[in-house]
Protein backbone atom coordinates (compact mmCIF):
# COMPACT_ATOMS: atom_id res chain seq x y z
CA UNK A 1 195.81 -4.15 80.97
CA UNK A 2 194.81 -5.70 77.64
CA UNK A 3 191.00 -5.43 75.89
CA UNK A 4 189.78 -8.41 74.69
CA UNK A 5 188.30 -8.76 71.53
CA UNK A 6 185.88 -11.49 71.41
CA UNK A 7 182.54 -11.60 69.69
CA UNK A 8 179.20 -12.75 70.40
CA UNK A 9 176.48 -14.11 67.68
CA UNK A 10 173.87 -11.46 68.21
CA UNK A 11 173.13 -8.90 66.00
CA UNK A 12 173.40 -4.96 66.70
CA UNK A 13 170.63 -3.76 68.92
CA UNK A 14 168.63 -0.60 67.23
CA UNK A 15 165.17 0.03 68.37
CA UNK A 16 161.91 0.33 66.37
CA UNK A 17 158.42 1.59 68.36
CA UNK A 18 155.63 3.14 67.04
CA UNK A 19 154.92 1.49 63.66
CA UNK A 20 151.34 1.73 61.74
CA UNK A 21 149.45 -1.46 61.88
CA UNK A 22 150.02 -2.07 58.29
CA UNK A 23 153.64 -2.13 58.62
CA UNK A 24 154.38 -4.21 62.12
CA UNK A 25 151.84 -6.79 61.04
CA UNK A 26 154.58 -7.65 58.33
CA UNK A 27 157.03 -8.00 60.62
CA UNK A 28 159.17 -11.05 61.66
CA UNK A 29 158.97 -12.26 65.36
CA UNK A 30 162.23 -11.55 66.98
CA UNK A 31 164.19 -14.72 68.49
CA UNK A 32 164.37 -13.12 71.25
CA UNK A 33 163.11 -10.26 73.62
CA UNK A 34 166.36 -9.08 74.39
CA UNK A 35 166.72 -7.57 71.20
CA UNK A 36 164.30 -5.10 72.74
CA UNK A 37 166.06 -3.54 75.36
CA UNK A 38 163.58 -0.52 75.64
CA UNK A 39 160.61 -3.16 76.34
CA UNK A 40 158.39 -1.15 73.33
CA UNK A 41 157.46 -4.75 71.92
CA UNK A 42 160.17 -3.92 68.82
CA UNK A 43 163.39 -4.69 68.28
CA UNK A 44 166.23 -4.93 65.44
CA UNK A 45 167.66 -8.38 64.65
CA UNK A 46 169.50 -9.50 61.27
CA UNK A 47 169.62 -6.20 60.35
CA UNK A 48 165.73 -5.46 59.83
CA UNK A 49 163.07 -4.58 62.27
CA UNK A 50 161.29 -7.43 64.16
CA UNK A 51 158.42 -7.87 66.33
CA UNK A 52 159.09 -9.21 70.11
CA UNK A 53 156.53 -11.96 70.47
CA UNK A 54 155.21 -14.48 73.44
CA UNK A 55 157.93 -16.83 71.86
CA UNK A 56 160.12 -14.31 71.64
CA UNK A 57 159.90 -13.25 75.62
CA UNK A 58 160.31 -16.75 76.67
CA UNK A 59 158.06 -15.35 80.11
CA UNK A 60 155.00 -17.35 79.81
CA UNK A 61 153.60 -14.61 77.26
CA UNK A 62 154.35 -11.74 79.56
CA UNK A 63 154.48 -8.27 77.73
CA UNK A 64 158.15 -6.23 78.45
CA UNK A 65 157.45 -3.54 80.46
CA UNK A 66 158.17 -0.46 78.88
CA UNK A 67 159.57 1.21 82.24
CA UNK A 68 161.63 -0.16 85.07
CA UNK A 69 159.83 1.85 87.57
CA UNK A 70 156.46 -0.26 87.11
CA UNK A 71 158.60 -2.95 89.40
CA UNK A 72 159.04 -0.98 92.47
CA UNK A 73 160.28 -4.40 94.50
CA UNK A 74 162.75 -5.34 91.61
CA UNK A 75 161.53 -8.80 91.40
CA UNK A 76 161.49 -8.87 87.58
CA UNK A 77 157.85 -8.28 87.44
CA UNK A 78 155.72 -5.15 87.14
CA UNK A 79 152.09 -4.05 86.14
CA UNK A 80 151.10 -1.73 83.44
CA UNK A 81 148.15 -1.17 81.42
CA UNK A 82 146.29 -3.21 83.31
CA UNK A 83 148.25 -6.58 83.04
CA UNK A 84 151.75 -8.14 84.25
CA UNK A 85 154.84 -7.42 82.58
CA UNK A 86 158.36 -8.64 82.62
CA UNK A 87 161.12 -6.16 83.37
CA UNK A 88 163.34 -6.38 80.34
CA UNK A 89 167.19 -5.19 79.81
CA UNK A 90 167.31 -1.70 80.82
CA UNK A 91 171.02 -0.01 80.61
CA UNK A 92 171.78 2.74 83.65
CA UNK A 93 171.10 6.03 82.32
CA UNK A 94 168.92 4.86 79.06
CA UNK A 95 166.41 6.80 78.28
CA UNK A 96 162.68 4.87 78.22
CA UNK A 97 159.20 5.22 77.53
CA UNK A 98 158.78 7.85 74.53
CA UNK A 99 156.84 5.79 71.66
CA UNK A 100 155.98 9.05 69.34
CA UNK A 101 157.01 8.88 66.01
CA UNK A 102 158.45 11.97 64.27
CA UNK A 103 160.31 12.44 60.90
CA UNK A 104 163.77 10.98 60.83
CA UNK A 105 166.48 13.79 60.34
CA UNK A 106 168.77 11.47 58.20
CA UNK A 107 168.08 8.26 55.83
CA UNK A 108 170.85 7.17 57.63
CA UNK A 109 168.83 6.30 60.70
CA UNK A 110 167.18 3.93 58.63
CA UNK A 111 169.36 1.32 57.48
CA UNK A 112 167.05 -1.63 56.63
CA UNK A 113 164.96 1.23 54.18
CA UNK A 114 161.58 -0.35 56.10
CA UNK A 115 160.70 3.45 56.39
CA UNK A 116 161.37 3.80 60.20
CA UNK A 117 164.75 4.77 61.72
CA UNK A 118 165.97 5.62 65.20
CA UNK A 119 167.23 8.63 66.28
CA UNK A 120 167.30 10.52 69.84
CA UNK A 121 166.81 7.39 71.45
CA UNK A 122 163.00 7.23 69.70
CA UNK A 123 161.58 5.38 66.73
CA UNK A 124 161.19 8.08 63.56
CA UNK A 125 159.68 7.56 60.19
CA UNK A 126 161.25 8.45 56.87
CA UNK A 127 159.20 11.16 55.13
CA UNK A 128 159.73 14.09 52.53
CA UNK A 129 161.35 16.08 55.07
CA UNK A 130 164.26 13.71 55.83
CA UNK A 131 167.74 14.39 54.75
CA UNK A 132 168.94 12.04 51.97
CA UNK A 133 172.84 12.73 52.81
CA UNK A 134 174.59 10.67 55.57
CA UNK A 135 175.84 13.35 57.31
CA UNK A 136 177.28 13.44 60.98
CA UNK A 137 174.64 12.71 63.10
CA UNK A 138 175.50 13.76 67.18
CA UNK A 139 174.67 11.33 69.76
CA UNK A 140 176.26 13.48 72.47
CA UNK A 141 174.74 14.87 75.12
CA UNK A 142 173.19 13.83 78.86
CA UNK A 143 175.30 10.84 80.25
CA UNK A 144 172.82 11.58 83.45
CA UNK A 145 170.07 9.86 81.41
CA UNK A 146 168.10 12.49 82.14
CA UNK A 147 163.85 12.99 82.46
CA UNK A 148 164.05 13.93 78.61
CA UNK A 149 162.82 10.72 77.97
CA UNK A 150 162.87 10.78 73.98
CA UNK A 151 166.84 11.08 74.23
CA UNK A 152 169.14 13.97 74.35
CA UNK A 153 171.40 12.97 71.53
CA UNK A 154 170.84 15.22 68.65
CA UNK A 155 170.35 13.63 64.95
CA UNK A 156 170.70 16.53 63.01
CA UNK A 157 172.86 15.36 59.66
CA UNK A 158 174.94 17.41 57.76
CA UNK A 159 178.92 18.17 56.83
CA UNK A 160 179.93 21.15 58.33
CA UNK A 161 178.73 22.19 61.63
CA UNK A 162 180.37 25.12 63.85
CA UNK A 163 181.64 26.73 60.41
CA UNK A 164 178.82 29.28 59.87
CA UNK A 165 176.47 31.63 61.79
CA UNK A 166 177.61 34.56 64.03
CA UNK A 167 181.34 35.14 65.00
CA UNK A 168 180.29 37.89 66.94
CA UNK A 169 179.83 36.13 70.65
CA UNK A 170 182.31 38.68 71.91
CA UNK A 171 185.45 38.47 74.42
CA UNK A 172 183.81 37.29 78.00
CA UNK A 173 185.61 36.34 81.25
CA UNK A 174 184.73 36.35 84.65
CA UNK A 175 187.15 37.42 87.45
CA UNK A 176 188.43 35.89 90.01
CA UNK A 177 187.81 37.37 93.24
CA UNK A 178 190.73 35.81 95.01
CA UNK A 179 191.01 34.18 98.44
CA UNK A 180 191.36 30.31 98.16
CA UNK A 181 187.73 28.40 99.90
CA UNK A 182 188.55 25.08 98.80
CA UNK A 183 190.85 22.87 96.70
CA UNK A 184 190.70 18.97 95.84
CA UNK A 185 193.11 17.51 93.50
CA UNK A 186 193.63 13.95 92.30
CA UNK A 187 196.49 12.68 94.19
CA UNK A 188 198.10 9.47 93.78
CA UNK A 189 195.89 6.59 96.29
CA UNK A 190 198.05 5.49 99.05
CA UNK A 191 197.31 1.83 97.48
CA UNK A 192 196.25 1.50 94.18
CA UNK A 193 193.15 -0.45 93.92
CA UNK A 194 192.30 -3.05 91.45
CA UNK A 195 191.46 -2.34 88.05
CA UNK A 196 187.56 -2.51 87.73
CA UNK A 197 186.49 -3.82 84.21
CA UNK A 198 183.27 -4.30 82.50
CA UNK A 199 182.07 -6.22 79.68
CA UNK A 200 179.25 -6.92 77.24
CA UNK A 201 178.73 -9.78 79.73
CA UNK A 202 177.97 -7.44 82.85
CA UNK A 203 175.42 -5.30 81.14
CA UNK A 204 173.19 -8.04 79.96
CA UNK A 205 173.19 -9.19 83.87
CA UNK A 206 172.24 -5.66 84.48
CA UNK A 207 175.72 -4.57 86.05
CA UNK A 208 176.14 -1.13 84.69
CA UNK A 209 178.80 0.38 86.96
CA UNK A 210 182.01 -0.12 88.28
CA UNK A 211 183.89 2.26 90.16
CA UNK A 212 187.08 3.50 92.55
CA UNK A 213 186.97 5.82 95.26
CA UNK A 214 189.84 8.29 94.58
CA UNK A 215 190.48 11.33 97.13
CA UNK A 216 187.40 13.59 96.99
CA UNK A 217 186.72 12.00 93.56
CA UNK A 218 184.82 8.95 92.09
CA UNK A 219 186.33 7.32 89.04
CA UNK A 220 183.35 5.71 87.32
CA UNK A 221 182.96 3.21 84.18
CA UNK A 222 179.05 4.61 83.21
CA UNK A 223 178.66 2.04 80.39
CA UNK A 224 175.33 4.19 80.25
CA UNK A 225 174.33 2.88 76.69
CA UNK A 226 176.34 -0.24 76.10
CA UNK A 227 173.33 -1.23 73.88
CA UNK A 228 174.82 0.84 71.15
CA UNK A 229 177.62 -1.43 70.54
CA UNK A 230 175.19 -4.54 69.39
CA UNK A 231 176.79 -7.73 69.24
CA UNK A 232 180.29 -6.55 70.23
CA UNK A 233 181.80 -8.10 72.97
CA UNK A 234 183.34 -4.63 74.48
CA UNK A 235 185.28 -4.03 77.31
CA UNK A 236 186.29 -1.27 79.33
CA UNK A 237 188.61 -0.65 82.27
CA UNK A 238 189.03 1.96 84.78
CA UNK A 239 192.33 2.38 86.73
CA UNK A 240 193.81 4.38 89.64
CA UNK A 241 197.45 5.34 90.11
CA UNK A 242 199.24 3.33 87.48
CA UNK A 243 202.61 4.35 86.02
CA UNK A 244 202.12 7.84 86.97
CA UNK A 245 198.75 8.35 86.15
CA UNK A 246 196.36 9.60 88.76
CA UNK A 247 193.33 8.11 87.12
CA UNK A 248 192.47 6.66 83.61
CA UNK A 249 190.74 4.12 81.54
CA UNK A 250 191.26 2.29 78.44
CA UNK A 251 188.39 0.41 75.86
CA UNK A 252 187.49 -1.20 73.21
CA UNK A 253 184.18 -0.57 71.67
CA UNK A 254 184.85 -2.06 67.86
CA UNK A 255 185.08 -0.65 64.94
CA UNK A 256 181.78 0.79 64.63
CA UNK A 257 179.72 1.12 61.40
CA UNK A 258 176.00 1.91 60.14
CA UNK A 259 173.93 3.95 62.01
CA UNK A 260 174.97 2.96 65.64
CA UNK A 261 178.10 5.17 65.16
CA UNK A 262 175.58 7.84 65.85
CA UNK A 263 175.16 6.92 69.41
CA UNK A 264 177.58 7.64 72.64
CA UNK A 265 178.08 3.92 74.04
CA UNK A 266 179.57 5.49 77.12
CA UNK A 267 181.10 8.16 79.34
CA UNK A 268 183.82 7.13 81.75
CA UNK A 269 184.29 9.68 83.85
CA UNK A 270 185.67 11.29 87.14
CA UNK A 271 183.05 12.66 89.23
CA UNK A 272 183.37 15.96 91.61
CA UNK A 273 179.96 16.36 93.38
CA UNK A 274 177.00 14.34 93.57
CA UNK A 275 176.08 12.51 90.45
CA UNK A 276 173.21 10.53 91.86
CA UNK A 277 172.30 9.51 95.57
CA UNK A 278 174.60 6.48 95.05
CA UNK A 279 177.85 8.84 93.64
CA UNK A 280 178.73 11.22 96.19
CA UNK A 281 182.10 11.88 95.98
CA UNK A 282 182.83 13.61 99.16
CA UNK A 283 180.71 15.25 101.43
CA UNK A 284 179.35 18.67 100.64
CA UNK A 285 181.66 20.12 103.48
CA UNK A 286 184.48 18.99 101.08
CA UNK A 287 183.48 19.74 97.60
CA UNK A 288 181.14 22.38 98.60
CA UNK A 289 178.51 20.85 95.92
CA UNK A 290 175.69 21.03 95.22
CA UNK A 291 175.47 25.04 95.27
CA UNK A 292 173.20 27.37 94.31
CA UNK A 293 173.42 29.23 91.12
CA UNK A 294 173.42 32.54 92.48
CA UNK A 295 175.98 31.36 95.43
CA UNK A 296 178.35 29.47 93.43
CA UNK A 297 181.82 30.60 93.67
CA UNK A 298 184.70 31.21 91.32
CA UNK A 299 185.62 27.93 90.24
CA UNK A 300 188.66 26.83 88.11
CA UNK A 301 189.74 23.75 87.09
CA UNK A 302 193.52 22.80 86.49
CA UNK A 303 193.93 19.91 83.98
CA UNK A 304 196.69 17.65 82.54
CA UNK A 305 195.56 14.42 80.44
CA UNK A 306 197.10 12.23 77.55
CA UNK A 307 194.97 10.39 75.08
CA UNK A 308 195.69 7.95 72.67
CA UNK A 309 193.20 6.04 69.75
CA UNK A 310 194.34 2.39 68.62
CA UNK A 311 191.31 0.79 66.93
CA UNK A 312 190.71 -0.46 63.55
CA UNK A 313 191.62 2.24 61.17
CA UNK A 314 189.10 4.03 59.00
CA UNK A 315 188.95 6.49 56.64
CA UNK A 316 187.05 9.92 57.29
CA UNK A 317 184.20 10.68 54.95
CA UNK A 318 182.06 13.10 56.97
CA UNK A 319 184.63 15.55 58.48
CA UNK A 320 183.11 18.17 61.02
CA UNK A 321 186.67 19.08 62.21
CA UNK A 322 189.19 20.76 60.47
CA UNK A 323 191.99 18.62 61.80
CA UNK A 324 190.94 15.85 60.02
CA UNK A 325 189.94 16.47 56.53
CA UNK A 326 188.02 13.65 54.42
CA UNK A 327 190.30 10.76 53.57
CA UNK A 328 191.96 10.94 57.10
CA UNK A 329 193.03 7.85 59.01
CA UNK A 330 191.26 7.43 62.32
CA UNK A 331 191.04 4.82 64.67
CA UNK A 332 187.88 5.61 67.31
CA UNK A 333 185.58 8.61 67.39
CA UNK A 334 185.23 10.22 70.96
CA UNK A 335 185.51 13.45 72.80
CA UNK A 336 187.19 14.58 76.35
CA UNK A 337 184.45 16.71 78.05
CA UNK A 338 183.80 18.52 81.11
CA UNK A 339 180.15 18.61 82.50
CA UNK A 340 177.77 19.63 85.13
CA UNK A 341 174.34 18.81 85.71
CA UNK A 342 172.00 21.40 87.48
CA UNK A 343 169.27 20.40 89.53
CA UNK A 344 166.13 22.48 91.14
CA UNK A 345 166.52 23.38 94.98
CA UNK A 346 164.47 22.34 97.49
CA UNK A 347 161.26 23.74 99.07
CA UNK A 348 163.26 26.12 100.98
CA UNK A 349 165.32 27.23 97.95
CA UNK A 350 168.47 25.15 99.28
CA UNK A 351 170.83 22.91 97.84
CA UNK A 352 171.79 19.59 99.79
CA UNK A 353 172.69 16.75 98.26
CA UNK A 354 169.45 15.00 98.40
CA UNK A 355 167.97 17.44 95.65
CA UNK A 356 169.72 15.13 93.15
CA UNK A 357 167.25 12.38 91.96
CA UNK A 358 168.41 10.05 89.53
CA UNK A 359 167.65 6.67 88.78
CA UNK A 360 165.99 4.13 86.64
CA UNK A 361 167.09 5.92 83.18
CA UNK A 362 165.27 8.90 84.61
CA UNK A 363 166.74 12.08 86.19
CA UNK A 364 165.18 15.90 87.63
CA UNK A 365 168.47 17.37 86.16
CA UNK A 366 166.88 20.60 84.61
CA UNK A 367 170.02 21.71 83.06
CA UNK A 368 173.44 20.43 81.38
CA UNK A 369 176.60 22.16 80.49
CA UNK A 370 179.62 20.47 78.27
CA UNK A 371 182.92 21.66 77.31
CA UNK A 372 184.48 19.55 75.06
CA UNK A 373 187.88 20.10 75.62
CA UNK A 374 188.66 17.74 72.48
CA UNK A 375 186.64 16.36 69.91
CA UNK A 376 186.85 13.89 66.97
CA UNK A 377 186.42 14.06 63.21
CA UNK A 378 182.70 13.27 62.48
CA UNK A 379 180.62 13.83 65.95
CA UNK A 380 179.88 17.33 67.41
CA UNK A 381 177.29 17.92 70.42
CA UNK A 382 174.79 18.90 67.83
CA UNK A 383 174.27 19.13 64.09
CA UNK A 384 174.91 22.31 62.33
CA UNK A 385 171.17 24.03 62.48
CA UNK A 386 172.06 24.01 66.43
CA UNK A 387 175.12 26.14 66.14
CA UNK A 388 174.92 29.34 68.02
CA UNK A 389 177.98 31.34 67.54
CA UNK A 390 182.13 31.27 67.99
CA UNK A 391 182.94 33.08 71.30
CA UNK A 392 186.18 33.83 73.21
CA UNK A 393 186.05 32.82 76.59
CA UNK A 394 189.09 34.16 79.03
CA UNK A 395 191.09 33.90 76.10
CA UNK A 396 190.03 30.96 74.24
CA UNK A 397 187.94 30.18 71.26
CA UNK A 398 184.94 27.97 71.41
CA UNK A 399 181.81 26.85 68.97
CA UNK A 400 178.48 27.12 71.10
CA UNK A 401 175.68 24.55 70.32
CA UNK A 402 172.27 24.56 72.05
CA UNK A 403 169.93 21.72 70.66
CA UNK A 404 166.15 21.96 69.23
CA UNK A 405 165.83 18.30 70.51
CA UNK A 406 166.64 19.13 74.34
CA UNK A 407 166.22 22.61 75.72
CA UNK A 408 168.32 21.88 78.76
CA UNK A 409 171.72 22.11 77.31
CA UNK A 410 174.32 24.05 75.84
CA UNK A 411 177.71 22.90 74.63
CA UNK A 412 181.13 24.62 73.83
CA UNK A 413 183.83 23.21 71.78
CA UNK A 414 187.50 24.12 71.80
CA UNK A 415 188.63 25.63 68.36
CA UNK A 416 192.33 24.66 69.17
CA UNK A 417 192.77 21.55 71.89
CA UNK A 418 195.08 21.65 74.71
CA UNK A 419 195.94 18.47 76.53
CA UNK A 420 196.81 20.93 79.52
CA UNK A 421 195.68 24.34 81.28
CA UNK A 422 193.15 26.00 83.09
CA UNK A 423 189.67 26.37 82.54
CA UNK A 424 187.54 28.90 84.42
CA UNK A 425 184.23 27.17 84.97
CA UNK A 426 182.52 29.95 86.42
CA UNK A 427 182.90 31.59 83.07
CA UNK A 428 181.08 28.99 81.21
CA UNK A 429 178.19 28.95 83.96
CA UNK A 430 177.87 32.85 83.80
CA UNK A 431 177.68 32.86 79.86
CA UNK A 432 175.13 30.22 79.74
CA UNK A 433 173.26 31.92 82.14
CA UNK A 434 173.39 35.03 80.23
CA UNK A 435 172.91 34.21 76.90
CA UNK A 436 171.60 30.74 76.31
CA UNK A 437 168.07 31.40 76.99
CA UNK A 438 168.16 34.14 74.28
CA UNK A 439 170.62 32.89 71.59
CA UNK A 440 168.11 33.29 68.72
CA UNK A 441 167.79 36.84 69.47
CA UNK A 442 171.55 37.86 70.08
CA UNK A 443 173.08 35.72 67.63
CA UNK A 444 170.30 34.29 65.03
CA UNK A 445 170.72 30.64 66.33
CA UNK A 446 167.79 28.21 65.68
CA UNK A 447 166.91 27.08 69.36
CA UNK A 448 167.20 28.94 72.81
CA UNK A 449 167.56 26.87 75.68
CA UNK A 450 165.43 27.65 78.96
CA UNK A 451 166.90 29.80 81.30
CA UNK A 452 168.86 29.28 83.91
CA UNK A 453 167.55 30.39 87.36
CA UNK A 454 169.66 31.54 90.14
CA UNK A 455 167.83 28.49 92.95
CA UNK A 456 168.73 25.89 90.48
CA UNK A 457 171.72 23.90 92.18
CA UNK A 458 174.91 23.19 90.40
CA UNK A 459 175.21 19.24 91.42
CA UNK A 460 178.79 18.11 89.95
CA UNK A 461 181.65 18.79 87.73
CA UNK A 462 182.77 15.78 85.82
CA UNK A 463 185.31 14.90 83.06
CA UNK A 464 184.97 12.09 80.96
CA UNK A 465 184.93 10.64 77.40
CA UNK A 466 181.90 10.04 75.32
CA UNK A 467 183.05 7.15 73.20
CA UNK A 468 180.99 6.30 70.06
CA UNK A 469 183.36 3.49 68.34
CA UNK A 470 187.10 2.53 68.47
CA UNK A 471 189.75 1.41 71.00
CA UNK A 472 191.91 3.81 72.78
CA UNK A 473 192.86 5.30 76.28
CA UNK A 474 192.53 8.42 78.42
CA UNK A 475 195.08 9.32 81.22
CA UNK A 476 194.58 11.87 83.69
CA UNK A 477 197.72 13.55 85.16
CA UNK A 478 196.74 16.63 86.71
CA UNK A 479 193.00 17.16 88.00
CA UNK A 480 192.83 19.88 90.33
CA UNK A 481 189.26 21.74 91.08
CA UNK A 482 190.05 25.14 93.09
CA UNK A 483 187.33 27.38 94.56
CA UNK A 484 187.61 31.05 95.56
């Protein structure tokens, strides 16, 4: 499989909203409403902000709908603010709706210098609190789209991250009680399906996902934030049972550059359990998911994978990773992450598959737990101020992060990445349940997350790569989920 390198002439989509009357009056008109993918009336074209006008929309003067939910019959037109509107291009999982102006964390979010930027999937204003150094804004988190409509990616700047704070997290583990309940292994499929590829053309035509069902798992492209790639003609392919690879993907998201590097483009993933009502990998009797937190069995994951990056080389100048000191040459920025989304139980306190509600850029998830098995040179789950502590879980070291911008989130970053091994998923869930809502008190961290409740439902276990830029591949050789 080869990744194409075609280019389109359109400029990068970087959104801008909630400008003052004086500021937006002077903005040029966007040549096309496609530069305003969240429908707030403002876009990014020719390296500057622009305002969507009647001539931009090409829709008889109708405004662009802010939310796709305004179009319940899916005919492309909706009703908002007492008038008709036309539904614009909304990427699957892309947060929409919040147009409140807050202070930008970093000046790099305002590449045209007009005093306004884009962070956390929302507009922000450059003011006295904004850091002037470039830093390492992380656009990670919530490939689920989420109901946190101002976005789930942190935009905290800075250079270090994970190097300070308490290291008194202790050695924490959960014992395996024994007695296997069920096990699902990613086995080669009987007949190898055709490769499934997505390109920029597909997402412009509102086709966001390609998927392959393989055993008890779904392999999904999940190009949930493809707009961050701007005009680059990206391509991403998933495949199963190829040359000894049980499942995998390759991609080309371009060489990046500018503020767009701070946002995840996609999270190609292997789904186990329920991701949405259209993404149920196998019956609940097979996966055991969703399951209440207080009824979750001991879960371990045996894994083995390979990954390479071969995009346009760039020099690291804002390293967050001791393995990549400034001056190192890299060919892409991505992580390798396992995660679970937690959802509320039903009125009876049970966890049927129907408790997961997700679509049109929104989700009813109440928590997200991520474990980065590997990380790139410049991106972390959040900024330095969100670092919590360093912990040892089942004998392995991790740096822990919560988010001031998303209190439904905790992330663990492996200090010594391994391409094969065993992760006891229950340990991460139990540590999060015990500590994440009180990390300020325990470790002097900046932000407590919300408290995980016993009756919440662990809906899924996912593994994927959050991709910021570059070309590369990820190949899974072994992936087995065991429940005891």
